[in-house]
Protein backbone atom coordinates (compact mmCIF):
# COMPACT_ATOMS: atom_id res chain seq x y z
CA MET A 1 -1.86 -7.69 28.86
CA LYS A 2 -5.35 -7.21 27.47
CA LEU A 3 -6.27 -8.23 23.94
CA TYR A 4 -9.35 -6.59 22.47
CA TYR A 5 -10.77 -8.88 19.81
CA THR A 6 -13.78 -9.77 17.70
CA PRO A 7 -14.28 -13.51 17.04
CA GLY A 8 -12.69 -14.57 13.76
CA ALA A 9 -11.50 -11.06 12.87
CA CYS A 10 -7.84 -10.18 12.24
CA SER A 11 -7.41 -10.04 16.02
CA LEU A 12 -7.28 -13.86 15.89
CA SER A 13 -3.70 -13.50 14.67
CA PRO A 14 -2.31 -11.84 17.84
CA HIS A 15 -4.56 -14.10 19.91
CA ILE A 16 -2.79 -17.11 18.39
CA ALA A 17 0.60 -15.43 18.93
CA LEU A 18 -0.12 -14.83 22.63
CA ARG A 19 -1.00 -18.47 23.14
CA GLU A 20 1.96 -19.74 21.12
CA ALA A 21 4.27 -17.52 23.18
CA GLY A 22 2.71 -18.69 26.44
CA LEU A 23 2.22 -15.15 27.72
CA PRO A 24 -0.42 -14.20 30.30
CA PHE A 25 -3.29 -12.13 28.90
CA THR A 26 -7.00 -11.50 29.17
CA LEU A 27 -9.50 -11.39 26.32
CA HIS A 28 -11.94 -8.53 25.87
CA LYS A 29 -14.63 -9.09 23.26
CA VAL A 30 -15.60 -6.14 21.07
CA ASP A 31 -18.88 -5.58 19.23
CA LEU A 32 -17.56 -3.69 16.21
CA ALA A 33 -21.02 -2.63 15.05
CA LYS A 34 -21.80 -0.93 18.36
CA LYS A 35 -18.14 -0.07 19.18
CA THR A 36 -18.59 -1.48 22.66
CA VAL A 37 -16.64 -3.97 24.75
CA GLU A 38 -18.56 -6.81 26.41
CA THR A 39 -18.10 -4.97 29.72
CA GLY A 40 -20.03 -1.99 28.29
CA GLU A 41 -16.87 0.07 27.82
CA ASP A 42 -16.74 2.36 24.79
CA TYR A 43 -14.24 0.68 22.46
CA ASN A 44 -13.33 4.00 20.85
CA SER A 45 -11.78 4.96 24.18
CA VAL A 46 -9.45 1.97 23.80
CA ASN A 47 -8.70 2.33 20.10
CA ASP A 48 -10.07 5.43 18.42
CA LYS A 49 -9.45 3.84 15.02
CA GLY A 50 -12.55 1.83 15.87
CA TYR A 51 -11.31 -1.59 14.78
CA VAL A 52 -9.53 -4.55 16.31
CA PRO A 53 -7.02 -5.63 17.43
CA ALA A 54 -5.76 -3.54 20.30
CA LEU A 55 -3.27 -4.77 22.85
CA VAL A 56 -3.10 -2.92 26.16
CA LEU A 57 0.18 -3.55 27.94
CA ASP A 58 0.59 -3.87 31.70
CA SER A 59 2.10 -0.38 31.65
CA GLY A 60 -1.11 1.01 30.14
CA GLU A 61 0.52 1.63 26.76
CA LYS A 62 -1.54 0.52 23.76
CA LEU A 63 -0.49 -1.14 20.55
CA THR A 64 -2.68 -1.40 17.47
CA GLU A 65 -2.20 -2.93 13.99
CA GLY A 66 -1.77 -6.69 13.87
CA PRO A 67 1.66 -6.95 12.23
CA ALA A 68 3.18 -4.67 14.89
CA ILE A 69 1.38 -6.43 17.73
CA VAL A 70 2.48 -9.95 16.77
CA GLN A 71 6.12 -8.87 16.55
CA TYR A 72 5.89 -7.25 19.97
CA ILE A 73 4.40 -10.45 21.38
CA ALA A 74 7.11 -12.58 19.81
CA ASP A 75 9.84 -10.35 21.25
CA GLN A 76 8.46 -10.73 24.77
CA LYS A 77 9.23 -14.46 24.63
CA PRO A 78 12.12 -15.08 22.20
CA SER A 79 12.44 -18.66 23.44
CA ALA A 80 9.03 -19.44 21.91
CA GLY A 81 10.69 -19.07 18.49
CA ILE A 82 7.69 -17.53 16.72
CA ALA A 83 9.77 -14.74 15.15
CA PRO A 84 13.44 -14.51 14.15
CA ALA A 85 15.68 -12.27 16.25
CA PRO A 86 15.46 -8.50 15.61
CA GLY A 87 18.11 -7.21 13.24
CA THR A 88 18.59 -10.48 11.38
CA LEU A 89 17.82 -10.91 7.69
CA GLU A 90 15.30 -13.57 8.69
CA ARG A 91 13.43 -10.95 10.74
CA TYR A 92 13.14 -8.75 7.67
CA ARG A 93 11.85 -11.78 5.76
CA LEU A 94 9.17 -12.11 8.41
CA GLN A 95 8.28 -8.43 7.99
CA GLU A 96 8.16 -9.01 4.24
CA TRP A 97 5.57 -11.74 4.77
CA LEU A 98 3.54 -9.69 7.24
CA ASN A 99 3.43 -6.78 4.81
CA PHE A 100 2.42 -9.03 1.93
CA ILE A 101 -0.38 -10.58 3.95
CA THR A 102 -1.71 -7.27 5.25
CA SER A 103 -1.68 -5.43 1.92
CA GLU A 104 -2.20 -8.11 -0.71
CA LEU A 105 -4.47 -10.58 1.11
CA HIS A 106 -6.02 -9.04 4.24
CA LYS A 107 -7.31 -5.84 2.67
CA PRO A 108 -8.87 -7.36 -0.47
CA MET A 109 -10.26 -10.42 1.33
CA GLY A 110 -11.67 -8.27 4.12
CA SER A 111 -13.21 -5.80 1.69
CA MET A 112 -15.53 -8.50 0.35
CA PHE A 113 -17.42 -8.51 3.65
CA ASN A 114 -18.74 -5.06 2.70
CA PRO A 115 -22.37 -5.52 1.55
CA ALA A 116 -22.15 -2.26 -0.40
CA GLN A 117 -19.63 -3.71 -2.84
CA THR A 118 -21.07 -4.83 -6.19
CA ALA A 119 -20.84 -8.41 -7.47
CA GLU A 120 -18.67 -7.20 -10.36
CA TRP A 121 -16.27 -5.49 -7.98
CA LYS A 122 -16.01 -8.62 -5.82
CA GLU A 123 -15.27 -10.74 -8.89
CA ALA A 124 -12.42 -8.39 -9.79
CA VAL A 125 -11.07 -8.73 -6.25
CA LYS A 126 -11.21 -12.53 -6.53
CA VAL A 127 -9.25 -12.48 -9.79
CA ASN A 128 -6.53 -10.40 -8.16
CA LEU A 129 -6.49 -12.59 -5.04
CA ALA A 130 -6.14 -15.70 -7.19
CA LYS A 131 -2.97 -14.26 -8.73
CA ARG A 132 -1.55 -13.60 -5.27
CA LEU A 133 -2.38 -17.12 -4.12
CA ASP A 134 -0.84 -18.62 -7.27
CA TRP A 135 2.38 -16.88 -6.25
CA LEU A 136 1.99 -17.84 -2.60
CA VAL A 137 1.73 -21.58 -3.23
CA LYS A 138 4.99 -21.46 -5.17
CA GLN A 139 6.70 -19.94 -2.15
CA LEU A 140 5.23 -22.62 0.12
CA ASP A 141 6.34 -25.47 -2.12
CA GLY A 142 8.37 -27.94 -0.08
CA LYS A 143 7.89 -25.95 3.14
CA ALA A 144 5.66 -26.62 6.11
CA HIS A 145 5.36 -22.92 6.95
CA LEU A 146 6.05 -19.53 5.39
CA MET A 147 9.51 -19.27 6.97
CA GLY A 148 10.41 -22.91 6.45
CA ASP A 149 9.91 -25.73 8.94
CA LYS A 150 9.12 -23.46 11.90
CA PHE A 151 5.78 -21.84 12.62
CA SER A 152 5.96 -18.05 12.92
CA VAL A 153 3.56 -15.21 13.64
CA ALA A 154 3.18 -14.79 9.87
CA ASP A 155 1.55 -18.23 9.73
CA GLY A 156 -0.97 -17.24 12.38
CA TYR A 157 -1.82 -14.16 10.32
CA LEU A 158 -2.10 -16.03 7.01
CA PHE A 159 -4.26 -18.71 8.66
CA THR A 160 -6.57 -15.99 9.98
CA VAL A 161 -6.99 -14.21 6.65
CA LEU A 162 -7.42 -17.35 4.54
CA GLY A 163 -10.02 -18.50 7.06
CA TRP A 164 -12.29 -15.74 5.80
CA ALA A 165 -12.48 -17.27 2.31
CA LYS A 166 -15.46 -19.48 3.12
CA HIS A 167 -17.39 -16.48 4.43
CA VAL A 168 -16.97 -14.45 1.24
CA ASN A 169 -17.57 -17.29 -1.24
CA PHE A 170 -13.94 -17.49 -2.29
CA ASP A 171 -13.15 -21.11 -3.05
CA LEU A 172 -9.66 -22.27 -2.03
CA GLY A 173 -10.21 -25.59 -3.82
CA LYS A 174 -7.91 -24.55 -6.66
CA TRP A 175 -4.99 -24.63 -4.24
CA PRO A 176 -4.89 -28.03 -2.46
CA SER A 177 -1.51 -27.21 -0.92
CA LEU A 178 -3.08 -24.17 0.74
CA GLN A 179 -5.88 -26.31 2.11
CA GLN A 180 -3.25 -28.68 3.53
CA TYR A 181 -1.42 -25.70 5.01
CA MET A 182 -4.63 -24.47 6.65
CA SER A 183 -5.23 -27.91 8.11
CA ARG A 184 -1.64 -28.09 9.38
CA VAL A 185 -1.77 -24.70 11.11
CA GLY A 186 -5.34 -25.21 12.27
CA SER A 187 -4.42 -28.42 14.09
CA ARG A 188 -1.75 -26.78 16.26
CA PRO A 189 -2.81 -27.07 19.92
CA LYS A 190 -2.48 -23.33 20.62
CA VAL A 191 -4.39 -22.43 17.47
CA VAL A 192 -7.16 -24.81 18.52
CA GLU A 193 -7.16 -23.15 21.96
CA ALA A 194 -7.60 -19.72 20.37
CA LEU A 195 -10.39 -20.90 18.07
CA LYS A 196 -12.25 -22.50 20.97
CA ALA A 197 -11.80 -19.42 23.17
CA GLU A 198 -13.37 -17.27 20.43
CA GLY A 199 -16.25 -19.70 19.97
CA LEU A 200 -15.12 -20.61 16.45
CA MET A 201 -14.95 -24.32 17.14
CA SER A 202 -16.43 -26.58 19.78
């Protein structure tokens, strides 16, 4: 499989999932500004949506959209235990988390990277995000991970999105339990591998 990624972008989530699952893959770095792959390939020919991630399967089929990709990855190696079995209530709980992260955290957090957005608009986004994080910490209370004691692909996604906070001047200091969660997920060996491979840590 080939994972098309941009360092630190939402493609970090499936990158983490691939390493946690122990699946073979190659990384292909994308310059989103130029829409080119490091090989010189036109990225729009890979994913005409123009953004990462994209996962190209050995069959040549392509998958886009992080929440779909991470579930596909998890299902290729059920023994890795990074997603509950399809059809179970727990699997729908995972989908519930993935949808919450993508709509309520990823989109607003990511939008603050846009230099065209006004300071007032960004402040309004931060107020809304704070409400979501207030709710999130209550759900995490007494749990190591979103689904309980076990790490899942939802944790890789949440770790990725919350990692953007420092880049958009959104202080997570109000939520010490979230900072502890980030440290816990960030110290996982496969997460460290992914971060190093993307040049995000030495």
